[in-house]
PDB file of N, CA and C in Angstrom:
ATOM      1  N   MET A   1      71.452  56.376  68.356  1.00  0.00           N
ATOM      2  CA  MET A   1      72.672  56.509  69.119  1.00  0.00           C
ATOM      3  C   MET A   1      72.374  57.296  70.398  1.00  0.00           C
ATOM      4  N   ILE A   2      72.979  56.870  71.475  1.00  0.00           N
ATOM      5  CA  ILE A   2      72.740  57.516  72.757  1.00  0.00           C
ATOM      6  C   ILE A   2      73.590  58.777  72.860  1.00  0.00           C
ATOM      7  N   LYS A   3      72.951  59.862  73.275  1.00  0.00           N
ATOM      8  CA  LYS A   3      73.676  61.112  73.467  1.00  0.00           C
ATOM      9  C   LYS A   3      74.382  61.066  74.809  1.00  0.00           C
ATOM     10  N   CYS A   4      75.375  61.923  74.994  1.00  0.00           N
ATOM     11  CA  CYS A   4      76.136  61.964  76.244  1.00  0.00           C
ATOM     12  C   CYS A   4      75.238  62.204  77.451  1.00  0.00           C
ATOM     13  N   VAL A   5      74.298  63.111  77.316  1.00  0.00           N
ATOM     14  CA  VAL A   5      73.401  63.434  78.431  1.00  0.00           C
ATOM     15  C   VAL A   5      72.581  62.213  78.819  1.00  0.00           C
ATOM     16  N   GLU A   6      72.086  61.475  77.799  1.00  0.00           N
ATOM     17  CA  GLU A   6      71.310  60.276  78.078  1.00  0.00           C
ATOM     18  C   GLU A   6      72.178  59.216  78.756  1.00  0.00           C
ATOM     19  N   LEU A   7      73.412  59.085  78.323  1.00  0.00           N
ATOM     20  CA  LEU A   7      74.327  58.129  78.919  1.00  0.00           C
ATOM     21  C   LEU A   7      74.594  58.477  80.381  1.00  0.00           C
ATOM     22  N   ILE A   8      74.799  59.742  80.661  1.00  0.00           N
ATOM     23  CA  ILE A   8      75.028  60.172  82.042  1.00  0.00           C
ATOM     24  C   ILE A   8      73.799  59.868  82.893  1.00  0.00           C
ATOM     25  N   ASN A   9      72.616  60.137  82.357  1.00  0.00           N
ATOM     26  CA  ASN A   9      71.387  59.838  83.091  1.00  0.00           C
ATOM     27  C   ASN A   9      71.265  58.339  83.380  1.00  0.00           C
ATOM     28  N   ILE A  10      71.580  57.526  82.395  1.00  0.00           N
ATOM     29  CA  ILE A  10      71.526  56.071  82.580  1.00  0.00           C
ATOM     30  C   ILE A  10      72.499  55.644  83.666  1.00  0.00           C
ATOM     31  N   LEU A  11      73.723  56.189  83.645  1.00  0.00           N
ATOM     32  CA  LEU A  11      74.715  55.851  84.648  1.00  0.00           C
ATOM     33  C   LEU A  11      74.270  56.288  86.038  1.00  0.00           C
ATOM     34  N   GLU A  12      73.668  57.466  86.142  1.00  0.00           N
ATOM     35  CA  GLU A  12      73.191  57.941  87.439  1.00  0.00           C
ATOM     36  C   GLU A  12      72.088  57.040  87.986  1.00  0.00           C
ATOM     37  N   ILE A  13      71.178  56.610  87.120  1.00  0.00           N
ATOM     38  CA  ILE A  13      70.108  55.704  87.549  1.00  0.00           C
ATOM     39  C   ILE A  13      70.720  54.385  88.015  1.00  0.00           C
ATOM     40  N   TYR A  14      71.690  53.866  87.269  1.00  0.00           N
ATOM     41  CA  TYR A  14      72.351  52.613  87.640  1.00  0.00           C
ATOM     42  C   TYR A  14      73.027  52.752  89.001  1.00  0.00           C
ATOM     43  N   MET A  15      73.722  53.876  89.197  1.00  0.00           N
ATOM     44  CA  MET A  15      74.434  54.072  90.452  1.00  0.00           C
ATOM     45  C   MET A  15      73.464  54.184  91.630  1.00  0.00           C
ATOM     46  N   GLU A  16      72.324  54.814  91.431  1.00  0.00           N
ATOM     47  CA  GLU A  16      71.328  54.910  92.496  1.00  0.00           C
ATOM     48  C   GLU A  16      70.770  53.532  92.832  1.00  0.00           C
ATOM     49  N   ASP A  17      70.460  52.760  91.799  1.00  0.00           N
ATOM     50  CA  ASP A  17      69.910  51.417  92.012  1.00  0.00           C
ATOM     51  C   ASP A  17      70.902  50.516  92.728  1.00  0.00           C
ATOM     52  N   LYS A  18      72.150  50.629  92.437  1.00  0.00           N
ATOM     53  CA  LYS A  18      73.174  49.757  93.005  1.00  0.00           C
ATOM     54  C   LYS A  18      73.833  50.379  94.231  1.00  0.00           C
ATOM     55  N   ASN A  19      73.372  51.549  94.637  1.00  0.00           N
ATOM     56  CA  ASN A  19      73.913  52.238  95.793  1.00  0.00           C
ATOM     57  C   ASN A  19      75.419  52.486  95.628  1.00  0.00           C
ATOM     58  N   LEU A  20      75.804  52.951  94.456  1.00  0.00           N
ATOM     59  CA  LEU A  20      77.192  53.262  94.167  1.00  0.00           C
ATOM     60  C   LEU A  20      77.371  54.766  94.020  1.00  0.00           C
ATOM     61  N   ASN A  21      78.535  55.246  94.386  1.00  0.00           N
ATOM     62  CA  ASN A  21      78.827  56.644  94.096  1.00  0.00           C
ATOM     63  C   ASN A  21      79.699  56.700  92.844  1.00  0.00           C
ATOM     64  N   ARG A  22      79.910  57.864  92.341  1.00  0.00           N
ATOM     65  CA  ARG A  22      80.671  58.000  91.098  1.00  0.00           C
ATOM     66  C   ARG A  22      82.088  57.458  91.230  1.00  0.00           C
ATOM     67  N   ARG A  23      82.711  57.717  92.339  1.00  0.00           N
ATOM     68  CA  ARG A  23      84.088  57.251  92.540  1.00  0.00           C
ATOM     69  C   ARG A  23      84.152  55.721  92.462  1.00  0.00           C
ATOM     70  N   SER A  24      83.207  55.035  93.105  1.00  0.00           N
ATOM     71  CA  SER A  24      83.170  53.569  93.054  1.00  0.00           C
ATOM     72  C   SER A  24      82.909  53.083  91.636  1.00  0.00           C
ATOM     73  N   PHE A  25      81.973  53.752  90.977  1.00  0.00           N
ATOM     74  CA  PHE A  25      81.626  53.338  89.619  1.00  0.00           C
ATOM     75  C   PHE A  25      82.830  53.452  88.689  1.00  0.00           C
ATOM     76  N   PHE A  26      83.506  54.589  88.708  1.00  0.00           N
ATOM     77  CA  PHE A  26      84.647  54.773  87.817  1.00  0.00           C
ATOM     78  C   PHE A  26      85.824  53.885  88.220  1.00  0.00           C
ATOM     79  N   GLY A  27      85.914  53.544  89.499  1.00  0.00           N
ATOM     80  CA  GLY A  27      86.914  52.572  89.935  1.00  0.00           C
ATOM     81  C   GLY A  27      86.656  51.212  89.316  1.00  0.00           C
ATOM     82  N   MET A  28      85.367  50.824  89.276  1.00  0.00           N
ATOM     83  CA  MET A  28      85.000  49.548  88.651  1.00  0.00           C
ATOM     84  C   MET A  28      85.293  49.581  87.151  1.00  0.00           C
ATOM     85  N   VAL A  29      84.983  50.709  86.509  1.00  0.00           N
ATOM     86  CA  VAL A  29      85.236  50.845  85.075  1.00  0.00           C
ATOM     87  C   VAL A  29      86.736  50.732  84.794  1.00  0.00           C
ATOM     88  N   LEU A  30      87.553  51.386  85.605  1.00  0.00           N
ATOM     89  CA  LEU A  30      89.000  51.325  85.425  1.00  0.00           C
ATOM     90  C   LEU A  30      89.518  49.904  85.622  1.00  0.00           C
ATOM     91  N   ALA A  31      89.020  49.217  86.631  1.00  0.00           N
ATOM     92  CA  ALA A  31      89.439  47.829  86.867  1.00  0.00           C
ATOM     93  C   ALA A  31      89.038  46.943  85.695  1.00  0.00           C
ATOM     94  N   ALA A  32      87.826  47.118  85.196  1.00  0.00           N
ATOM     95  CA  ALA A  32      87.353  46.313  84.062  1.00  0.00           C
ATOM     96  C   ALA A  32      88.194  46.597  82.819  1.00  0.00           C
ATOM     97  N   ALA A  33      88.520  47.873  82.605  1.00  0.00           N
ATOM     98  CA  ALA A  33      89.312  48.242  81.432  1.00  0.00           C
ATOM     99  C   ALA A  33      90.717  47.639  81.504  1.00  0.00           C
ATOM    100  N   THR A  34      91.217  47.425  82.702  1.00  0.00           N
ATOM    101  CA  THR A  34      92.535  46.826  82.877  1.00  0.00           C
ATOM    102  C   THR A  34      92.505  45.322  82.623  1.00  0.00           C
ATOM    103  N   ILE A  35      91.424  44.668  83.014  1.00  0.00           N
ATOM    104  CA  ILE A  35      91.320  43.212  82.932  1.00  0.00           C
ATOM    105  C   ILE A  35      90.862  42.729  81.556  1.00  0.00           C
ATOM    106  N   VAL A  36      89.976  43.442  80.909  1.00  0.00           N
ATOM    107  CA  VAL A  36      89.355  42.994  79.662  1.00  0.00           C
ATOM    108  C   VAL A  36      90.361  42.610  78.571  1.00  0.00           C
ATOM    109  N   PRO A  37      91.411  43.388  78.306  1.00  0.00           N
ATOM    110  CA  PRO A  37      92.337  42.982  77.238  1.00  0.00           C
ATOM    111  C   PRO A  37      92.973  41.608  77.475  1.00  0.00           C
ATOM    112  N   PHE A  38      93.282  41.293  78.734  1.00  0.00           N
ATOM    113  CA  PHE A  38      93.869  40.001  79.046  1.00  0.00           C
ATOM    114  C   PHE A  38      92.863  38.872  78.855  1.00  0.00           C
ATOM    115  N   ALA A  39      91.622  39.129  79.188  1.00  0.00           N
ATOM    116  CA  ALA A  39      90.579  38.117  79.016  1.00  0.00           C
ATOM    117  C   ALA A  39      90.410  37.789  77.538  1.00  0.00           C
ATOM    118  N   PHE A  40      90.385  38.811  76.693  1.00  0.00           N
ATOM    119  CA  PHE A  40      90.220  38.571  75.262  1.00  0.00           C
ATOM    120  C   PHE A  40      91.437  37.874  74.671  1.00  0.00           C
ATOM    121  N   LYS A  41      92.615  38.155  75.187  1.00  0.00           N
ATOM    122  CA  LYS A  41      93.820  37.503  74.684  1.00  0.00           C
ATOM    123  C   LYS A  41      93.756  36.004  74.944  1.00  0.00           C
ATOM    124  N   SER A  42      93.356  35.591  76.157  1.00  0.00           N
ATOM    125  CA  SER A  42      93.304  34.165  76.451  1.00  0.00           C
ATOM    126  C   SER A  42      92.193  33.479  75.676  1.00  0.00           C
ATOM    127  N   VAL A  43      91.059  34.160  75.474  1.00  0.00           N
ATOM    128  CA  VAL A  43      89.974  33.580  74.683  1.00  0.00           C
ATOM    129  C   VAL A  43      90.421  33.406  73.244  1.00  0.00           C
ATOM    130  N   LYS A  44      91.139  34.396  72.723  1.00  0.00           N
ATOM    131  CA  LYS A  44      91.630  34.322  71.342  1.00  0.00           C
ATOM    132  C   LYS A  44      92.604  33.156  71.187  1.00  0.00           C
ATOM    133  N   ALA A  45      93.490  32.968  72.148  1.00  0.00           N
ATOM    134  CA  ALA A  45      94.453  31.869  72.082  1.00  0.00           C
ATOM    135  C   ALA A  45      93.748  30.520  72.134  1.00  0.00           C
ATOM    136  N   GLN A  46      92.727  30.406  72.966  1.00  0.00           N
ATOM    137  CA  GLN A  46      91.986  29.156  73.055  1.00  0.00           C
ATOM    138  C   GLN A  46      91.221  28.890  71.775  1.00  0.00           C
ATOM    139  N   ALA A  47      90.650  29.939  71.191  1.00  0.00           N
ATOM    140  CA  ALA A  47      89.869  29.775  69.971  1.00  0.00           C
ATOM    141  C   ALA A  47      90.764  29.345  68.805  1.00  0.00           C
ATOM    142  N   ALA A  48      92.016  29.786  68.834  1.00  0.00           N
ATOM    143  CA  ALA A  48      92.935  29.447  67.756  1.00  0.00           C
ATOM    144  C   ALA A  48      93.225  27.948  67.724  1.00  0.00           C
ATOM    145  N   GLY A  49      93.145  27.292  68.874  1.00  0.00           N
ATOM    146  CA  GLY A  49      93.402  25.859  68.932  1.00  0.00           C
ATOM    147  C   GLY A  49      94.875  25.536  68.843  1.00  0.00           C
ATOM    148  N   CYS A  50      95.161  24.267  69.014  1.00  0.00           N
ATOM    149  CA  CYS A  50      96.551  23.814  68.951  1.00  0.00           C
ATOM    150  C   CYS A  50      96.951  23.570  67.504  1.00  0.00           C
ATOM    151  N   PRO A  51      98.179  23.956  67.150  1.00  0.00           N
ATOM    152  CA  PRO A  51      98.633  23.700  65.784  1.00  0.00           C
ATOM    153  C   PRO A  51      98.792  22.205  65.546  1.00  0.00           C
ATOM    154  N   THR A  52      98.538  21.778  64.334  1.00  0.00           N
ATOM    155  CA  THR A  52      98.637  20.352  64.009  1.00  0.00           C
ATOM    156  C   THR A  52      99.736  20.050  63.002  1.00  0.00           C
ATOM    157  N   THR A  53     100.203  21.061  62.305  1.00  0.00           N
ATOM    158  CA  THR A  53     101.231  20.849  61.287  1.00  0.00           C
ATOM    159  C   THR A  53     102.543  21.492  61.736  1.00  0.00           C
ATOM    160  N   PRO A  54     103.561  20.674  62.037  1.00  0.00           N
ATOM    161  CA  PRO A  54     104.848  21.241  62.453  1.00  0.00           C
ATOM    162  C   PRO A  54     105.526  21.975  61.295  1.00  0.00           C
ATOM    163  N   PRO A  55     106.394  22.924  61.605  1.00  0.00           N
ATOM    164  CA  PRO A  55     107.078  23.657  60.544  1.00  0.00           C
ATOM    165  C   PRO A  55     107.996  22.735  59.732  1.00  0.00           C
ATOM    166  N   ALA A  56     107.983  22.937  58.437  1.00  0.00           N
ATOM    167  CA  ALA A  56     108.784  22.115  57.531  1.00  0.00           C
ATOM    168  C   ALA A  56     110.276  22.368  57.744  1.00  0.00           C
ATOM    169  N   GLY A  57     111.053  21.300  57.720  1.00  0.00           N
ATOM    170  CA  GLY A  57     112.496  21.425  57.816  1.00  0.00           C
ATOM    171  C   GLY A  57     113.028  21.675  59.208  1.00  0.00           C
ATOM    172  N   LYS A  58     112.196  21.621  60.230  1.00  0.00           N
ATOM    173  CA  LYS A  58     112.634  21.867  61.604  1.00  0.00           C
ATOM    174  C   LYS A  58     112.583  20.564  62.394  1.00  0.00           C
ATOM    175  N   GLN A  59     113.493  20.404  63.332  1.00  0.00           N
ATOM    176  CA  GLN A  59     113.457  19.238  64.215  1.00  0.00           C
ATOM    177  C   GLN A  59     112.374  19.463  65.254  1.00  0.00           C
ATOM    178  N   VAL A  60     111.446  18.524  65.329  1.00  0.00           N
ATOM    179  CA  VAL A  60     110.307  18.644  66.238  1.00  0.00           C
ATOM    180  C   VAL A  60     110.413  17.577  67.323  1.00  0.00           C
ATOM    181  N   ALA A  61     110.167  17.964  68.578  1.00  0.00           N
ATOM    182  CA  ALA A  61     110.165  17.002  69.680  1.00  0.00           C
ATOM    183  C   ALA A  61     109.002  16.034  69.485  1.00  0.00           C
ATOM    184  N   LYS A  62     109.293  14.752  69.581  1.00  0.00           N
ATOM    185  CA  LYS A  62     108.268  13.733  69.395  1.00  0.00           C
ATOM    186  C   LYS A  62     107.885  13.134  70.743  1.00  0.00           C
ATOM    187  N   VAL A  63     106.591  13.086  71.021  1.00  0.00           N
ATOM    188  CA  VAL A  63     106.075  12.534  72.271  1.00  0.00           C
ATOM    189  C   VAL A  63     106.572  11.100  72.423  1.00  0.00           C
ATOM    190  N   GLY A  64     107.083  10.796  73.609  1.00  0.00           N
ATOM    191  CA  GLY A  64     107.521   9.427  73.890  1.00  0.00           C
ATOM    192  C   GLY A  64     108.911   9.073  73.410  1.00  0.00           C
ATOM    193  N   GLU A  65     109.666  10.038  72.894  1.00  0.00           N
ATOM    194  CA  GLU A  65     111.010   9.767  72.396  1.00  0.00           C
ATOM    195  C   GLU A  65     112.038  10.679  73.073  1.00  0.00           C
ATOM    196  N   GLY A  66     113.183  10.128  73.414  1.00  0.00           N
ATOM    197  CA  GLY A  66     114.310  10.894  73.939  1.00  0.00           C
ATOM    198  C   GLY A  66     113.959  11.811  75.099  1.00  0.00           C
ATOM    199  N   MET A  67     114.394  13.062  74.985  1.00  0.00           N
ATOM    200  CA  MET A  67     114.178  14.049  76.039  1.00  0.00           C
ATOM    201  C   MET A  67     112.685  14.287  76.289  1.00  0.00           C
ATOM    202  N   ALA A  68     111.898  14.260  75.234  1.00  0.00           N
ATOM    203  CA  ALA A  68     110.449  14.461  75.382  1.00  0.00           C
ATOM    204  C   ALA A  68     109.854  13.395  76.301  1.00  0.00           C
ATOM    205  N   LYS A  69     110.339  12.177  76.183  1.00  0.00           N
ATOM    206  CA  LYS A  69     109.842  11.088  77.037  1.00  0.00           C
ATOM    207  C   LYS A  69     110.239  11.318  78.492  1.00  0.00           C
ATOM    208  N   SER A  70     111.493  11.677  78.730  1.00  0.00           N
ATOM    209  CA  SER A  70     111.945  11.877  80.107  1.00  0.00           C
ATOM    210  C   SER A  70     111.293  13.100  80.768  1.00  0.00           C
ATOM    211  N   LEU A  71     110.898  14.082  79.964  1.00  0.00           N
ATOM    212  CA  LEU A  71     110.234  15.271  80.513  1.00  0.00           C
ATOM    213  C   LEU A  71     108.706  15.153  80.485  1.00  0.00           C
ATOM    214  N   GLU A  72     108.210  13.988  80.050  1.00  0.00           N
ATOM    215  CA  GLU A  72     106.769  13.719  79.986  1.00  0.00           C
ATOM    216  C   GLU A  72     106.040  14.758  79.133  1.00  0.00           C
ATOM    217  N   TYR A  73     106.660  15.124  77.999  1.00  0.00           N
ATOM    218  CA  TYR A  73     106.098  16.108  77.084  1.00  0.00           C
ATOM    219  C   TYR A  73     104.830  15.571  76.417  1.00  0.00           C
ATOM    220  N   VAL A  74     103.807  16.435  76.365  1.00  0.00           N
ATOM    221  CA  VAL A  74     102.579  16.138  75.622  1.00  0.00           C
ATOM    222  C   VAL A  74     102.321  17.310  74.689  1.00  0.00           C
ATOM    223  N   GLU A  75     101.719  17.046  73.549  1.00  0.00           N
ATOM    224  CA  GLU A  75     101.469  18.109  72.571  1.00  0.00           C
ATOM    225  C   GLU A  75     100.289  18.989  72.954  1.00  0.00           C
ATOM    226  N   ASP A  76      99.432  18.511  73.825  1.00  0.00           N
ATOM    227  CA  ASP A  76      98.312  19.307  74.332  1.00  0.00           C
ATOM    228  C   ASP A  76      98.344  19.219  75.848  1.00  0.00           C
ATOM    229  N   GLY A  77      98.706  20.320  76.492  1.00  0.00           N
ATOM    230  CA  GLY A  77      98.837  20.343  77.944  1.00  0.00           C
ATOM    231  C   GLY A  77      97.601  19.878  78.698  1.00  0.00           C
ATOM    232  N   LYS A  78      96.435  20.068  78.102  1.00  0.00           N
ATOM    233  CA  LYS A  78      95.188  19.660  78.764  1.00  0.00           C
ATOM    234  C   LYS A  78      95.124  18.151  78.958  1.00  0.00           C
ATOM    235  N   THR A  79      95.908  17.401  78.187  1.00  0.00           N
ATOM    236  CA  THR A  79      95.871  15.941  78.280  1.00  0.00           C
ATOM    237  C   THR A  79      96.907  15.378  79.242  1.00  0.00           C
ATOM    238  N   SER A  80      97.719  16.235  79.855  1.00  0.00           N
ATOM    239  CA  SER A  80      98.759  15.769  80.766  1.00  0.00           C
ATOM    240  C   SER A  80      98.147  15.124  82.009  1.00  0.00           C
ATOM    241  N   THR A  81      98.746  14.012  82.414  1.00  0.00           N
ATOM    242  CA  THR A  81      98.304  13.325  83.632  1.00  0.00           C
ATOM    243  C   THR A  81      99.279  13.568  84.779  1.00  0.00           C
ATOM    244  N   ASN A  82     100.311  14.365  84.536  1.00  0.00           N
ATOM    245  CA  ASN A  82     101.303  14.670  85.560  1.00  0.00           C
ATOM    246  C   ASN A  82     100.681  15.547  86.642  1.00  0.00           C
ATOM    247  N   ALA A  83     100.932  15.217  87.896  1.00  0.00           N
ATOM    248  CA  ALA A  83     100.357  15.956  89.029  1.00  0.00           C
ATOM    249  C   ALA A  83     100.865  17.404  89.098  1.00  0.00           C
ATOM    250  N   LYS A  84     102.043  17.680  88.521  1.00  0.00           N
ATOM    251  CA  LYS A  84     102.590  19.044  88.519  1.00  0.00           C
ATOM    252  C   LYS A  84     101.816  19.987  87.601  1.00  0.00           C
ATOM    253  N   HIS A  85     101.140  19.424  86.590  1.00  0.00           N
ATOM    254  CA  HIS A  85     100.453  20.258  85.602  1.00  0.00           C
ATOM    255  C   HIS A  85      99.279  20.994  86.229  1.00  0.00           C
ATOM    256  N   LYS A  86      99.203  22.299  85.963  1.00  0.00           N
ATOM    257  CA  LYS A  86      98.099  23.147  86.427  1.00  0.00           C
ATOM    258  C   LYS A  86      97.400  23.735  85.207  1.00  0.00           C
ATOM    259  N   PRO A  87      96.089  23.944  85.291  1.00  0.00           N
ATOM    260  CA  PRO A  87      95.368  24.550  84.157  1.00  0.00           C
ATOM    261  C   PRO A  87      96.010  25.879  83.745  1.00  0.00           C
ATOM    262  N   GLY A  88      96.106  26.095  82.462  1.00  0.00           N
ATOM    263  CA  GLY A  88      96.689  27.333  81.937  1.00  0.00           C
ATOM    264  C   GLY A  88      98.176  27.242  81.661  1.00  0.00           C
ATOM    265  N   GLN A  89      98.832  26.210  82.160  1.00  0.00           N
ATOM    266  CA  GLN A  89     100.253  26.041  81.886  1.00  0.00           C
ATOM    267  C   GLN A  89     100.412  25.378  80.518  1.00  0.00           C
ATOM    268  N   ASN A  90     101.244  25.977  79.666  1.00  0.00           N
ATOM    269  CA  ASN A  90     101.548  25.376  78.370  1.00  0.00           C
ATOM    270  C   ASN A  90     102.860  25.957  77.861  1.00  0.00           C
ATOM    271  N   CYS A  91     103.387  25.334  76.845  1.00  0.00           N
ATOM    272  CA  CYS A  91     104.682  25.772  76.307  1.00  0.00           C
ATOM    273  C   CYS A  91     104.663  27.242  75.885  1.00  0.00           C
ATOM    274  N   GLY A  92     103.538  27.706  75.373  1.00  0.00           N
ATOM    275  CA  GLY A  92     103.434  29.078  74.896  1.00  0.00           C
ATOM    276  C   GLY A  92     103.689  30.127  75.963  1.00  0.00           C
ATOM    277  N   ASN A  93     103.490  29.779  77.252  1.00  0.00           N
ATOM    278  CA  ASN A  93     103.763  30.747  78.309  1.00  0.00           C
ATOM    279  C   ASN A  93     104.859  30.248  79.258  1.00  0.00           C
ATOM    280  N   CYS A  94     105.737  29.405  78.719  1.00  0.00           N
ATOM    281  CA  CYS A  94     106.866  28.861  79.482  1.00  0.00           C
ATOM    282  C   CYS A  94     108.140  29.646  79.161  1.00  0.00           C
ATOM    283  N   LYS A  95     109.008  29.764  80.148  1.00  0.00           N
ATOM    284  CA  LYS A  95     110.270  30.487  79.987  1.00  0.00           C
ATOM    285  C   LYS A  95     111.164  29.856  78.922  1.00  0.00           C
ATOM    286  N   TYR A  96     111.078  28.551  78.735  1.00  0.00           N
ATOM    287  CA  TYR A  96     111.973  27.851  77.826  1.00  0.00           C
ATOM    288  C   TYR A  96     111.506  27.870  76.366  1.00  0.00           C
ATOM    289  N   TYR A  97     110.303  28.352  76.117  1.00  0.00           N
ATOM    290  CA  TYR A  97     109.729  28.418  74.771  1.00  0.00           C
ATOM    291  C   TYR A  97     110.251  29.677  74.086  1.00  0.00           C
ATOM    292  N   ASN A  98     110.999  29.530  72.989  1.00  0.00           N
ATOM    293  CA  ASN A  98     111.628  30.664  72.299  1.00  0.00           C
ATOM    294  C   ASN A  98     110.641  31.281  71.297  1.00  0.00           C
ATOM    295  N   GLU A  99     109.804  32.150  71.802  1.00  0.00           N
ATOM    296  CA  GLU A  99     108.730  32.749  71.004  1.00  0.00           C
ATOM    297  C   GLU A  99     109.244  33.569  69.818  1.00  0.00           C
ATOM    298  N   LYS A 100     110.452  34.094  69.926  1.00  0.00           N
ATOM    299  CA  LYS A 100     111.004  34.914  68.841  1.00  0.00           C
ATOM    300  C   LYS A 100     111.219  34.103  67.558  1.00  0.00           C
ATOM    301  N   LYS A 101     111.380  32.792  67.697  1.00  0.00           N
ATOM    302  CA  LYS A 101     111.616  31.938  66.531  1.00  0.00           C
ATOM    303  C   LYS A 101     110.384  31.089  66.203  1.00  0.00           C
ATOM    304  N   ALA A 102     109.226  31.494  66.702  1.00  0.00           N
ATOM    305  CA  ALA A 102     107.997  30.721  66.494  1.00  0.00           C
ATOM    306  C   ALA A 102     107.591  30.687  65.021  1.00  0.00           C
ATOM    307  N   GLU A 103     107.090  29.527  64.612  1.00  0.00           N
ATOM    308  CA  GLU A 103     106.577  29.328  63.249  1.00  0.00           C
ATOM    309  C   GLU A 103     105.309  28.490  63.332  1.00  0.00           C
ATOM    310  N   GLY A 104     104.187  29.089  62.986  1.00  0.00           N
ATOM    311  CA  GLY A 104     102.936  28.347  62.929  1.00  0.00           C
ATOM    312  C   GLY A 104     102.525  27.677  64.223  1.00  0.00           C
ATOM    313  N   GLY A 105     102.781  28.324  65.353  1.00  0.00           N
ATOM    314  CA  GLY A 105     102.402  27.758  66.638  1.00  0.00           C
ATOM    315  C   GLY A 105     103.439  26.824  67.238  1.00  0.00           C
ATOM    316  N   TYR A 106     104.586  26.695  66.608  1.00  0.00           N
ATOM    317  CA  TYR A 106     105.696  25.894  67.124  1.00  0.00           C
ATOM    318  C   TYR A 106     106.888  26.815  67.335  1.00  0.00           C
ATOM    319  N   ALA A 107     107.709  26.495  68.331  1.00  0.00           N
ATOM    320  CA  ALA A 107     108.941  27.252  68.564  1.00  0.00           C
ATOM    321  C   ALA A 107     109.942  26.332  69.242  1.00  0.00           C
ATOM    322  N   PRO A 108     111.238  26.655  69.135  1.00  0.00           N
ATOM    323  CA  PRO A 108     112.239  25.817  69.793  1.00  0.00           C
ATOM    324  C   PRO A 108     112.163  25.940  71.315  1.00  0.00           C
ATOM    325  N   CYS A 109     112.454  24.832  71.982  1.00  0.00           N
ATOM    326  CA  CYS A 109     112.436  24.780  73.445  1.00  0.00           C
ATOM    327  C   CYS A 109     113.836  24.470  73.949  1.00  0.00           C
ATOM    328  N   THR A 110     114.300  25.256  74.890  1.00  0.00           N
ATOM    329  CA  THR A 110     115.627  25.065  75.461  1.00  0.00           C
ATOM    330  C   THR A 110     115.752  23.690  76.115  1.00  0.00           C
ATOM    331  N   MET A 111     114.729  23.264  76.830  1.00  0.00           N
ATOM    332  CA  MET A 111     114.776  21.983  77.535  1.00  0.00           C
ATOM    333  C   MET A 111     114.765  20.784  76.583  1.00  0.00           C
ATOM    334  N   MET A 112     114.261  20.979  75.390  1.00  0.00           N
ATOM    335  CA  MET A 112     114.189  19.886  74.413  1.00  0.00           C
ATOM    336  C   MET A 112     115.350  19.941  73.421  1.00  0.00           C
ATOM    337  N   GLY A 113     116.424  20.597  73.792  1.00  0.00           N
ATOM    338  CA  GLY A 113     117.584  20.683  72.899  1.00  0.00           C
ATOM    339  C   GLY A 113     117.298  21.504  71.658  1.00  0.00           C
ATOM    340  N   MET A 114     116.484  22.543  71.816  1.00  0.00           N
ATOM    341  CA  MET A 114     116.090  23.466  70.755  1.00  0.00           C
ATOM    342  C   MET A 114     115.254  22.808  69.661  1.00  0.00           C
ATOM    343  N   LYS A 115     114.655  21.661  69.966  1.00  0.00           N
ATOM    344  CA  LYS A 115     113.685  21.079  69.032  1.00  0.00           C
ATOM    345  C   LYS A 115     112.395  21.863  69.180  1.00  0.00           C
ATOM    346  N   TYR A 116     111.619  21.901  68.115  1.00  0.00           N
ATOM    347  CA  TYR A 116     110.381  22.665  68.110  1.00  0.00           C
ATOM    348  C   TYR A 116     109.276  21.916  68.857  1.00  0.00           C
ATOM    349  N   VAL A 117     108.525  22.669  69.669  1.00  0.00           N
ATOM    350  CA  VAL A 117     107.380  22.129  70.410  1.00  0.00           C
ATOM    351  C   VAL A 117     106.169  23.003  70.113  1.00  0.00           C
ATOM    352  N   THR A 118     104.996  22.441  70.273  1.00  0.00           N
ATOM    353  CA  THR A 118     103.779  23.206  70.037  1.00  0.00           C
ATOM    354  C   THR A 118     103.505  24.148  71.207  1.00  0.00           C
ATOM    355  N   ASN A 119     102.896  25.291  70.925  1.00  0.00           N
ATOM    356  CA  ASN A 119     102.606  26.257  71.986  1.00  0.00           C
ATOM    357  C   ASN A 119     101.583  25.731  72.988  1.00  0.00           C
ATOM    358  N   CYS A 120     100.811  24.719  72.628  1.00  0.00           N
ATOM    359  CA  CYS A 120      99.816  24.117  73.530  1.00  0.00           C
ATOM    360  C   CYS A 120     100.417  23.010  74.376  1.00  0.00           C
ATOM    361  N   GLY A 121     101.642  22.612  74.093  1.00  0.00           N
ATOM    362  CA  GLY A 121     102.264  21.491  74.782  1.00  0.00           C
ATOM    363  C   GLY A 121     102.582  21.790  76.233  1.00  0.00           C
ATOM    364  N   TRP A 122     103.106  20.772  76.911  1.00  0.00           N
ATOM    365  CA  TRP A 122     103.501  20.913  78.319  1.00  0.00           C
ATOM    366  C   TRP A 122     104.490  19.815  78.659  1.00  0.00           C
ATOM    367  N   CYS A 123     105.438  20.115  79.546  1.00  0.00           N
ATOM    368  CA  CYS A 123     106.325  19.084  80.095  1.00  0.00           C
ATOM    369  C   CYS A 123     106.586  19.425  81.552  1.00  0.00           C
ATOM    370  N   LYS A 124     107.178  18.473  82.261  1.00  0.00           N
ATOM    371  CA  LYS A 124     107.356  18.673  83.699  1.00  0.00           C
ATOM    372  C   LYS A 124     108.435  19.699  84.046  1.00  0.00           C
ATOM    373  N   SER A 125     109.143  20.225  83.056  1.00  0.00           N
ATOM    374  CA  SER A 125     110.111  21.299  83.295  1.00  0.00           C
ATOM    375  C   SER A 125     109.487  22.678  83.134  1.00  0.00           C
ATOM    376  N   TYR A 126     108.167  22.733  82.990  1.00  0.00           N
ATOM    377  CA  TYR A 126     107.474  24.009  82.782  1.00  0.00           C
ATOM    378  C   TYR A 126     107.905  25.036  83.832  1.00  0.00           C
ATOM    379  N   LEU A 127     108.188  26.246  83.361  1.00  0.00           N
ATOM    380  CA  LEU A 127     108.533  27.357  84.242  1.00  0.00           C
ATOM    381  C   LEU A 127     107.870  28.610  83.670  1.00  0.00           C
ATOM    382  N   ALA A 128     106.997  29.213  84.437  1.00  0.00           N
ATOM    383  CA  ALA A 128     106.252  30.392  83.966  1.00  0.00           C
ATOM    384  C   ALA A 128     107.204  31.531  83.616  1.00  0.00           C
ATOM    385  N   LYS A 129     106.853  32.285  82.568  1.00  0.00           N
ATOM    386  CA  LYS A 129     107.661  33.451  82.154  1.00  0.00           C
ATOM    387  C   LYS A 129     107.586  34.521  83.205  1.00  0.00           C
TER     388      LYS A 129
END
């Protein structure tokens, strides 16, 4: 295990090599500490994958039917061919997705008449939270 003194020495050597002062170094550390939790959250969400089993007993929006058809809803946002779709947009981070009532990666959507949609889905009514 590295002792504090050894760690400080390592940091000083790094700062000399990179021509950084302590203030710059700790500024970088603070910025990294602010960003890292968000990076891990998005990686975790991607690793979880899209849910495949809708919640039992709930009305689920079906691709190509009714409101889902008119809003060009897809169960996996990455497969959308709509020009409005941007990477990272999905039902899980949309204003209309009711996360408080989520079950197994599905939650009711205001735009779909409160039918359940997958958190990976996307439609042309997407609005960022």
